N, C-alpha and C. Protein backbone atom coordinates (compact mmCIF):
# COMPACT_ATOMS: atom_id res chain seq x y z
N UNK A 1 12.90 -76.33 56.91
CA UNK A 1 13.45 -75.35 57.35
C UNK A 1 14.17 -74.61 57.01
N UNK A 2 14.12 -72.94 56.23
CA UNK A 2 14.73 -71.93 56.03
C UNK A 2 15.43 -72.19 54.72
N UNK A 3 14.60 -73.00 53.94
CA UNK A 3 15.07 -72.92 52.41
C UNK A 3 15.87 -74.76 52.52
N UNK A 4 15.93 -75.38 54.05
CA UNK A 4 16.72 -77.11 53.44
C UNK A 4 15.72 -77.98 53.65
N UNK A 5 16.20 -78.53 52.88
CA UNK A 5 15.03 -80.20 53.28
C UNK A 5 15.34 -81.31 54.17
N UNK A 6 14.45 -81.94 55.17
CA UNK A 6 14.52 -82.25 55.93
C UNK A 6 14.15 -83.50 55.33
N UNK A 7 14.80 -85.33 56.24
CA UNK A 7 14.18 -86.23 56.30
C UNK A 7 13.20 -85.98 57.35
N UNK A 8 11.69 -85.98 57.14
CA UNK A 8 11.03 -85.78 58.65
C UNK A 8 10.49 -87.37 59.38
N UNK A 9 11.02 -87.78 60.57
CA UNK A 9 10.79 -88.72 61.37
C UNK A 9 9.61 -88.38 62.27
N UNK A 10 9.18 -89.13 62.64
CA UNK A 10 8.20 -88.87 63.66
C UNK A 10 7.99 -90.45 64.86
N UNK A 11 8.47 -89.30 66.16
CA UNK A 11 8.51 -90.97 67.16
C UNK A 11 7.27 -90.17 67.97
N UNK A 12 6.77 -91.52 68.74
CA UNK A 12 5.55 -91.61 69.20
C UNK A 12 6.12 -91.65 70.50
N UNK A 13 5.47 -90.90 71.36
CA UNK A 13 6.28 -91.08 72.73
C UNK A 13 5.29 -89.70 73.60
N UNK A 14 5.76 -90.26 75.24
CA UNK A 14 4.52 -89.22 75.68
C UNK A 14 5.25 -88.13 76.61
N UNK A 15 6.26 -87.67 75.87
CA UNK A 15 7.00 -86.69 75.61
C UNK A 15 6.08 -85.95 75.35
N UNK A 16 6.58 -84.39 75.82
CA UNK A 16 5.47 -83.60 74.47
C UNK A 16 5.62 -82.91 73.47
N UNK A 17 4.82 -83.25 72.95
CA UNK A 17 4.67 -82.82 70.86
C UNK A 17 5.48 -81.74 71.18
N UNK A 18 6.14 -81.99 69.85
CA UNK A 18 7.07 -81.04 69.48
C UNK A 18 8.15 -81.37 68.28
N UNK A 19 8.71 -80.14 67.77
CA UNK A 19 9.50 -80.82 66.83
C UNK A 19 11.05 -79.82 66.83
N UNK A 20 12.16 -80.68 66.00
CA UNK A 20 13.39 -80.54 67.07
C UNK A 20 14.55 -81.08 65.60
N UNK A 21 15.41 -79.89 64.68
CA UNK A 21 15.96 -80.60 63.91
C UNK A 21 17.05 -81.40 64.89
N UNK A 22 17.84 -82.29 63.15
CA UNK A 22 19.33 -82.44 64.09
C UNK A 22 19.17 -83.36 62.97
N UNK A 23 20.70 -83.19 62.84
CA UNK A 23 21.51 -83.82 61.54
C UNK A 23 21.38 -83.99 59.89
N UNK A 24 20.11 -83.09 59.77
CA UNK A 24 19.18 -83.09 58.55
C UNK A 24 18.04 -83.91 58.77
N UNK A 25 17.54 -84.23 59.47
CA UNK A 25 15.92 -84.53 60.16
C UNK A 25 15.66 -83.39 61.14
N UNK A 26 14.28 -84.05 60.32
CA UNK A 26 13.52 -83.09 61.13
C UNK A 26 12.48 -84.03 62.18
N UNK A 27 12.40 -84.14 63.28
CA UNK A 27 12.57 -85.25 64.76
C UNK A 27 11.11 -84.47 65.03
N UNK A 28 9.73 -85.24 64.35
CA UNK A 28 8.46 -84.58 64.64
C UNK A 28 7.89 -86.08 66.29
N UNK A 29 8.03 -85.43 67.19
CA UNK A 29 7.68 -85.99 68.66
C UNK A 29 5.81 -85.75 68.51
N UNK A 30 5.19 -86.95 68.42
CA UNK A 30 3.78 -86.83 69.09
C UNK A 30 3.42 -87.94 70.09
N UNK A 31 1.95 -87.71 71.01
CA UNK A 31 1.87 -88.40 72.05
C UNK A 31 1.33 -89.48 71.00
N UNK A 32 1.26 -91.23 71.98
CA UNK A 32 0.24 -92.23 71.41
C UNK A 32 -1.15 -91.12 70.94
N UNK A 33 -1.11 -91.84 70.09
CA UNK A 33 -3.33 -92.32 69.35
C UNK A 33 -3.21 -90.39 68.35
N UNK A 34 -2.16 -90.11 68.65
CA UNK A 34 -1.85 -88.04 67.56
C UNK A 34 -2.68 -88.86 66.22
N UNK A 35 -3.24 -88.51 65.60
CA UNK A 35 -4.08 -88.75 64.50
C UNK A 35 -3.38 -87.25 63.28
N UNK A 36 -3.20 -87.48 62.08
CA UNK A 36 -3.08 -86.75 61.03
C UNK A 36 -3.03 -85.03 60.91
N UNK A 37 -4.28 -85.01 61.93
CA UNK A 37 -4.17 -83.14 61.42
C UNK A 37 -4.50 -82.57 63.33
N UNK A 38 -3.68 -83.92 63.98
CA UNK A 38 -2.93 -83.46 65.59
C UNK A 38 -1.38 -82.97 64.92
N UNK A 39 -0.68 -83.97 63.76
CA UNK A 39 0.91 -83.54 63.75
C UNK A 39 0.84 -82.71 62.82
N UNK A 40 -0.14 -82.64 61.71
CA UNK A 40 0.02 -80.95 61.00
C UNK A 40 0.18 -80.25 62.47
N UNK A 41 -0.41 -80.14 63.56
CA UNK A 41 -1.24 -78.87 63.82
C UNK A 41 -0.04 -78.60 64.43
N UNK A 42 0.85 -79.52 64.89
CA UNK A 42 2.27 -79.64 66.05
C UNK A 42 3.42 -79.08 64.56
N UNK A 43 3.36 -79.18 63.55
CA UNK A 43 3.95 -78.75 62.32
C UNK A 43 4.12 -77.92 62.60
N UNK A 44 2.66 -77.09 62.34
CA UNK A 44 1.86 -75.67 61.71
C UNK A 44 2.84 -75.35 62.83
N UNK A 45 2.14 -75.22 64.64
CA UNK A 45 2.71 -74.41 65.05
C UNK A 45 4.42 -74.02 65.38
N UNK A 46 5.20 -75.12 64.77
CA UNK A 46 6.13 -74.81 65.26
C UNK A 46 6.82 -73.96 63.66
N UNK A 47 6.34 -73.98 63.23
CA UNK A 47 6.65 -73.74 61.26
C UNK A 47 5.88 -72.04 62.60
N UNK A 48 4.87 -71.52 62.45
CA UNK A 48 4.39 -70.69 63.00
C UNK A 48 5.22 -69.97 63.88
N UNK A 49 5.76 -70.45 64.75
CA UNK A 49 7.02 -69.82 66.11
C UNK A 49 8.26 -68.94 65.15
N UNK A 50 8.55 -70.20 64.51
CA UNK A 50 9.53 -69.88 63.61
C UNK A 50 10.10 -68.02 63.29
N UNK A 51 8.45 -67.91 61.89
CA UNK A 51 8.74 -66.67 61.97
C UNK A 51 7.97 -65.81 62.39
N UNK A 52 7.55 -65.88 63.59
CA UNK A 52 7.34 -65.14 64.47
C UNK A 52 8.35 -64.60 65.37
N UNK A 53 9.60 -65.69 65.22
CA UNK A 53 10.70 -65.27 66.44
C UNK A 53 11.99 -64.57 65.67
N UNK A 54 11.53 -64.66 63.83
CA UNK A 54 12.47 -64.22 63.43
C UNK A 54 11.83 -63.13 62.26
N UNK A 55 11.24 -62.59 62.70
CA UNK A 55 10.21 -61.42 61.88
C UNK A 55 10.81 -60.37 62.75
N UNK A 56 10.75 -60.44 64.48
CA UNK A 56 11.08 -59.06 64.38
C UNK A 56 12.72 -58.58 64.50
N UNK A 57 13.59 -58.64 64.18
CA UNK A 57 14.52 -58.56 63.63
C UNK A 57 14.84 -57.75 62.29
N UNK A 58 14.57 -58.24 61.39
CA UNK A 58 14.08 -58.20 60.34
C UNK A 58 13.69 -57.00 60.42
N UNK A 59 12.36 -57.23 60.78
CA UNK A 59 11.69 -55.69 61.04
C UNK A 59 12.04 -54.19 61.16
N UNK A 60 12.95 -54.11 62.50
CA UNK A 60 13.86 -53.57 63.12
C UNK A 60 15.00 -52.99 62.18
N UNK A 61 15.44 -54.04 61.36
CA UNK A 61 16.54 -54.11 60.85
C UNK A 61 15.54 -52.77 59.44
N UNK A 62 14.72 -53.04 58.68
CA UNK A 62 14.10 -52.21 57.73
C UNK A 62 13.52 -50.72 58.57
N UNK A 63 12.80 -50.91 59.85
CA UNK A 63 12.93 -50.08 60.19
C UNK A 63 13.12 -48.14 60.00
N UNK A 64 14.49 -48.14 60.61
CA UNK A 64 15.58 -47.10 60.08
C UNK A 64 15.85 -46.91 59.03
N UNK A 65 15.86 -47.55 58.04
CA UNK A 65 15.95 -47.68 56.81
C UNK A 65 14.38 -47.10 55.93
N UNK A 66 13.64 -47.84 55.98
CA UNK A 66 12.12 -46.97 55.23
C UNK A 66 11.70 -45.81 56.31
N UNK A 67 11.71 -45.29 57.51
CA UNK A 67 11.44 -44.56 58.17
C UNK A 67 9.97 -44.52 58.54
N UNK A 68 9.58 -46.13 58.71
CA UNK A 68 8.36 -46.35 58.91
C UNK A 68 8.22 -47.25 60.12
N UNK A 69 7.85 -47.62 60.90
CA UNK A 69 7.47 -48.30 62.59
C UNK A 69 5.77 -49.19 61.98
N UNK A 70 6.32 -50.25 62.07
CA UNK A 70 5.50 -52.16 61.86
C UNK A 70 4.67 -51.13 63.46
N UNK A 71 4.13 -50.83 63.43
CA UNK A 71 2.77 -51.44 65.18
C UNK A 71 2.65 -53.00 65.66
N UNK A 72 2.50 -53.85 64.37
CA UNK A 72 2.44 -55.36 64.96
C UNK A 72 2.77 -55.84 63.60
N UNK A 73 2.72 -57.47 63.79
CA UNK A 73 2.93 -58.04 62.97
C UNK A 73 1.65 -59.53 63.03
N UNK A 74 1.49 -59.84 62.30
CA UNK A 74 0.79 -61.40 62.97
C UNK A 74 1.46 -62.30 61.70
N UNK A 75 1.61 -63.58 62.26
CA UNK A 75 2.06 -64.65 61.76
C UNK A 75 0.36 -65.87 61.59
N UNK A 76 0.00 -65.84 60.38
CA UNK A 76 -1.17 -67.00 59.63
C UNK A 76 -1.12 -67.63 58.58
N UNK A 77 -1.27 -69.11 58.47
CA UNK A 77 -1.08 -70.27 57.98
C UNK A 77 -2.19 -69.33 56.09
N UNK A 78 -1.84 -69.08 54.80
CA UNK A 78 -2.44 -68.45 54.00
C UNK A 78 -2.51 -69.59 52.87
N UNK A 79 -2.97 -69.27 51.86
CA UNK A 79 -3.30 -70.34 51.27
C UNK A 79 -2.44 -69.29 50.00
N UNK A 80 -2.64 -68.20 49.75
CA UNK A 80 -2.39 -67.58 48.45
C UNK A 80 -1.63 -66.78 48.43
N UNK A 81 -1.13 -66.26 49.53
CA UNK A 81 -0.39 -65.44 49.51
C UNK A 81 1.15 -64.59 50.68
N UNK A 82 1.89 -64.78 50.73
CA UNK A 82 2.67 -64.50 51.35
C UNK A 82 3.37 -64.01 52.49
N UNK A 83 1.95 -62.55 52.23
CA UNK A 83 1.94 -61.25 53.17
C UNK A 83 1.44 -60.50 53.11
N UNK A 84 1.28 -59.95 53.59
CA UNK A 84 -0.41 -58.62 53.70
C UNK A 84 -0.27 -57.42 54.42
N UNK A 85 -0.26 -56.89 54.10
CA UNK A 85 0.14 -55.01 54.82
C UNK A 85 -1.56 -53.96 55.06
N UNK A 86 -1.23 -53.80 56.18
CA UNK A 86 -2.19 -52.48 55.89
C UNK A 86 -2.55 -51.41 56.66
N UNK A 87 -1.67 -50.63 55.75
CA UNK A 87 -1.14 -49.50 55.90
C UNK A 87 -1.59 -48.94 56.75
N UNK A 88 -3.29 -48.90 57.14
CA UNK A 88 -3.75 -47.35 58.09
C UNK A 88 -3.80 -47.68 59.09
N UNK A 89 -3.44 -49.26 59.81
CA UNK A 89 -3.02 -49.81 60.83
C UNK A 89 -1.71 -49.98 61.56
N UNK A 90 -0.86 -50.32 60.62
CA UNK A 90 0.53 -49.89 59.99
C UNK A 90 1.40 -51.64 60.74
N UNK A 91 0.21 -52.62 60.29
CA UNK A 91 0.06 -53.95 60.49
C UNK A 91 0.74 -54.71 59.07
N UNK A 92 1.09 -55.35 59.34
CA UNK A 92 1.89 -56.46 58.13
C UNK A 92 1.65 -58.09 58.56
N UNK A 93 0.98 -59.23 57.88
CA UNK A 93 0.41 -60.42 58.14
C UNK A 93 1.52 -61.15 57.64
N UNK A 94 2.45 -62.35 57.85
CA UNK A 94 3.23 -63.08 57.40
C UNK A 94 2.98 -64.91 57.25
N UNK A 95 3.06 -65.15 55.81
CA UNK A 95 2.51 -66.69 56.02
C UNK A 95 3.01 -67.56 56.07
N UNK A 96 2.72 -68.52 57.81
CA UNK A 96 3.35 -69.53 58.35
C UNK A 96 5.10 -70.14 57.00
N UNK A 97 4.27 -70.66 56.04
CA UNK A 97 4.91 -71.53 54.96
C UNK A 97 6.38 -70.35 54.72
N UNK A 98 6.49 -69.26 54.96
CA UNK A 98 7.26 -68.66 54.94
C UNK A 98 8.97 -69.56 55.64
N UNK A 99 8.54 -70.28 56.32
CA UNK A 99 9.27 -70.87 57.43
C UNK A 99 10.02 -71.76 56.33
N UNK A 100 9.75 -72.12 55.51
CA UNK A 100 10.24 -73.62 55.05
C UNK A 100 10.72 -73.09 53.76
N UNK A 101 11.49 -71.48 53.25
CA UNK A 101 11.56 -70.96 52.60
C UNK A 101 12.90 -69.59 52.66
N UNK A 102 14.13 -70.57 51.60
CA UNK A 102 15.14 -69.52 51.80
C UNK A 102 15.02 -68.37 52.83
N UNK A 103 16.05 -68.01 53.95
CA UNK A 103 15.64 -66.74 54.57
C UNK A 103 15.28 -65.57 53.97
N UNK A 104 16.50 -65.45 52.78
CA UNK A 104 16.14 -64.29 52.25
C UNK A 104 14.59 -63.79 51.74
N UNK A 105 14.03 -64.73 51.73
CA UNK A 105 12.55 -64.20 51.18
C UNK A 105 11.68 -64.07 51.99
N UNK A 106 12.12 -64.49 53.60
CA UNK A 106 10.75 -63.72 54.38
C UNK A 106 11.75 -62.38 54.78
N UNK A 107 12.88 -61.56 54.69
CA UNK A 107 13.55 -60.41 54.70
C UNK A 107 13.00 -59.49 53.34
N UNK A 108 12.69 -60.45 52.07
CA UNK A 108 12.05 -59.74 50.81
C UNK A 108 10.45 -59.39 51.52
N UNK A 109 9.60 -60.36 51.64
CA UNK A 109 8.06 -60.27 52.46
C UNK A 109 8.24 -59.07 53.18
N UNK A 110 9.04 -59.68 54.22
CA UNK A 110 8.81 -57.61 55.07
C UNK A 110 9.44 -57.07 54.18
N UNK A 111 10.11 -56.89 53.78
CA UNK A 111 10.80 -55.13 52.91
C UNK A 111 9.21 -54.54 51.62
N UNK A 112 8.63 -56.50 51.03
CA UNK A 112 7.69 -55.66 50.29
C UNK A 112 6.37 -55.51 51.06
N UNK A 113 5.81 -55.89 52.03
CA UNK A 113 4.94 -55.11 52.80
C UNK A 113 5.11 -53.63 53.73
N UNK A 114 6.07 -53.52 54.42
CA UNK A 114 6.57 -52.47 54.30
C UNK A 114 6.68 -51.68 53.35
N UNK A 115 7.09 -51.78 52.60
CA UNK A 115 7.06 -50.82 51.39
C UNK A 115 5.68 -50.34 51.59
N UNK A 116 4.68 -51.03 51.32
CA UNK A 116 3.58 -50.49 50.90
C UNK A 116 3.42 -49.69 52.00
N UNK A 117 3.92 -49.65 53.56
CA UNK A 117 3.13 -47.56 54.03
C UNK A 117 3.51 -46.58 53.77
N UNK A 118 4.68 -47.07 52.95
CA UNK A 118 4.80 -46.34 52.35
C UNK A 118 4.34 -45.38 50.48
N UNK A 119 4.07 -46.87 50.06
CA UNK A 119 3.45 -46.47 48.80
C UNK A 119 2.60 -47.26 48.52
N UNK A 120 1.09 -48.01 48.73
CA UNK A 120 0.25 -48.91 48.46
C UNK A 120 -0.54 -49.88 47.58
N UNK A 121 0.30 -49.02 46.32
CA UNK A 121 -0.24 -49.33 45.64
C UNK A 121 1.47 -50.50 44.63
N UNK A 122 1.30 -51.11 43.88
CA UNK A 122 2.21 -51.47 43.34
C UNK A 122 2.73 -51.27 41.99
N UNK A 123 2.83 -49.43 41.75
CA UNK A 123 3.43 -49.24 40.70
C UNK A 123 4.67 -49.00 40.66
N UNK A 124 5.14 -47.31 39.74
CA UNK A 124 5.95 -47.44 39.13
C UNK A 124 7.06 -46.82 41.26
N UNK A 125 6.31 -46.38 41.59
CA UNK A 125 6.48 -45.50 42.66
C UNK A 125 8.11 -46.68 43.29
N UNK A 126 6.57 -47.85 43.72
CA UNK A 126 7.01 -48.94 44.26
C UNK A 126 7.46 -49.40 43.59
N UNK A 127 7.89 -49.71 42.58
CA UNK A 127 8.84 -50.83 42.28
C UNK A 127 10.09 -49.90 42.21
N UNK A 128 10.35 -48.96 42.19
CA UNK A 128 11.61 -47.69 42.48
C UNK A 128 11.54 -48.55 44.20
N UNK A 129 11.08 -47.68 45.04
CA UNK A 129 11.54 -47.95 46.20
C UNK A 129 12.19 -49.14 46.69
N UNK A 130 11.61 -50.44 45.70
CA UNK A 130 12.35 -52.09 46.15
C UNK A 130 13.32 -52.08 45.78
N UNK A 131 13.79 -51.13 44.50
CA UNK A 131 15.11 -51.16 44.36
C UNK A 131 15.32 -50.36 44.54
N UNK A 132 15.23 -49.56 45.08
CA UNK A 132 16.57 -49.13 46.03
C UNK A 132 16.64 -49.00 47.33
N UNK A 133 15.91 -49.66 47.56
CA UNK A 133 15.82 -50.60 49.68
C UNK A 133 16.49 -52.08 49.13
N UNK A 134 16.57 -52.64 47.84
CA UNK A 134 17.16 -54.41 47.73
C UNK A 134 17.41 -54.77 46.33
N UNK A 135 17.86 -54.01 45.62
CA UNK A 135 18.82 -54.07 44.46
C UNK A 135 18.21 -54.92 43.41
N UNK A 136 18.38 -56.52 44.32
CA UNK A 136 17.58 -57.56 43.67
C UNK A 136 16.54 -58.38 44.57
N UNK A 137 15.66 -57.38 44.92
CA UNK A 137 14.73 -57.68 44.65
C UNK A 137 13.75 -58.66 43.96
N UNK A 138 13.69 -58.95 42.78
CA UNK A 138 13.43 -59.55 41.44
C UNK A 138 13.26 -60.67 41.84
N UNK A 139 14.52 -61.05 41.44
CA UNK A 139 15.12 -62.44 41.73
C UNK A 139 14.81 -63.71 42.90
N UNK A 140 15.06 -62.56 44.59
CA UNK A 140 14.89 -63.23 45.39
C UNK A 140 13.12 -63.04 45.11
N UNK A 141 11.86 -62.55 44.85
CA UNK A 141 10.20 -62.92 44.03
C UNK A 141 10.49 -63.64 43.73
N UNK A 142 11.27 -63.84 42.43
CA UNK A 142 11.06 -65.24 40.83
C UNK A 142 10.82 -66.63 41.97
N UNK A 143 12.39 -66.81 42.31
CA UNK A 143 12.53 -67.69 42.76
C UNK A 143 11.72 -67.94 44.01
N UNK A 144 11.42 -66.93 44.62
CA UNK A 144 10.27 -67.06 45.79
C UNK A 144 8.74 -68.02 45.20
N UNK A 145 8.71 -67.33 43.94
CA UNK A 145 7.29 -67.65 43.08
C UNK A 145 7.08 -68.56 42.46
N UNK A 146 8.62 -69.38 42.42
CA UNK A 146 8.53 -71.03 41.46
C UNK A 146 7.98 -71.94 42.57
N UNK A 147 8.46 -71.67 44.10
CA UNK A 147 8.21 -72.70 44.97
C UNK A 147 6.70 -72.65 45.06
N UNK A 148 6.26 -73.53 46.08
CA UNK A 148 5.02 -73.65 45.97
C UNK A 148 5.02 -73.09 47.75
N UNK A 149 2.88 -72.46 47.48
CA UNK A 149 3.32 -71.40 48.74
C UNK A 149 3.39 -73.19 49.79
N UNK A 150 2.15 -74.04 49.74
CA UNK A 150 2.46 -75.24 50.91
C UNK A 150 2.38 -76.18 50.12
N UNK A 151 2.34 -77.45 50.98
CA UNK A 151 2.58 -78.44 50.15
C UNK A 151 1.55 -79.28 51.36
N UNK A 152 0.58 -79.93 50.50
CA UNK A 152 -1.14 -80.35 51.37
C UNK A 152 -0.85 -81.65 51.62
N UNK A 153 -0.03 -82.14 50.90
CA UNK A 153 -0.02 -84.43 50.71
C UNK A 153 0.78 -84.72 51.04
N UNK A 154 0.90 -84.80 52.73
CA UNK A 154 2.05 -85.02 53.39
C UNK A 154 2.02 -86.92 53.83
N UNK A 155 2.81 -87.30 53.67
CA UNK A 155 2.14 -89.14 53.96
C UNK A 155 3.50 -89.01 55.63
N UNK A 156 2.73 -89.99 56.19
CA UNK A 156 3.70 -89.70 58.08
C UNK A 156 4.03 -91.05 58.11
């Protein structure tokens, strides 16, 4: 979570399914008989909620600085992108997997997508805007791009 590694512990219980971080462990609670797909779904939903809970503060931080307003944001699992922007609808999409990366990566992706509202293409103006608002954005991008988007082979 947010760039830290946790030892996954699966607890089978009659308690509601969920995830709890505790002393370097990620405790995944599932009901008896829950198959792998069910465990994956609980984890995916938890990561999605973490991004959903943290993104509004970051969006609110950048809106007055950029002078743009995001009408809505969505969080979904994406296979090949960290985020996307619809410049006409003023919406952004964020990858659930960002919750697994350092938090400055979420900040960078939110800014990146919001800058697209000002400049849709990745040209010189886009780069100049990124340099202006986050001078070290390329270092964050390099670190994020070195990390896998998602790990699909988990053993429980």
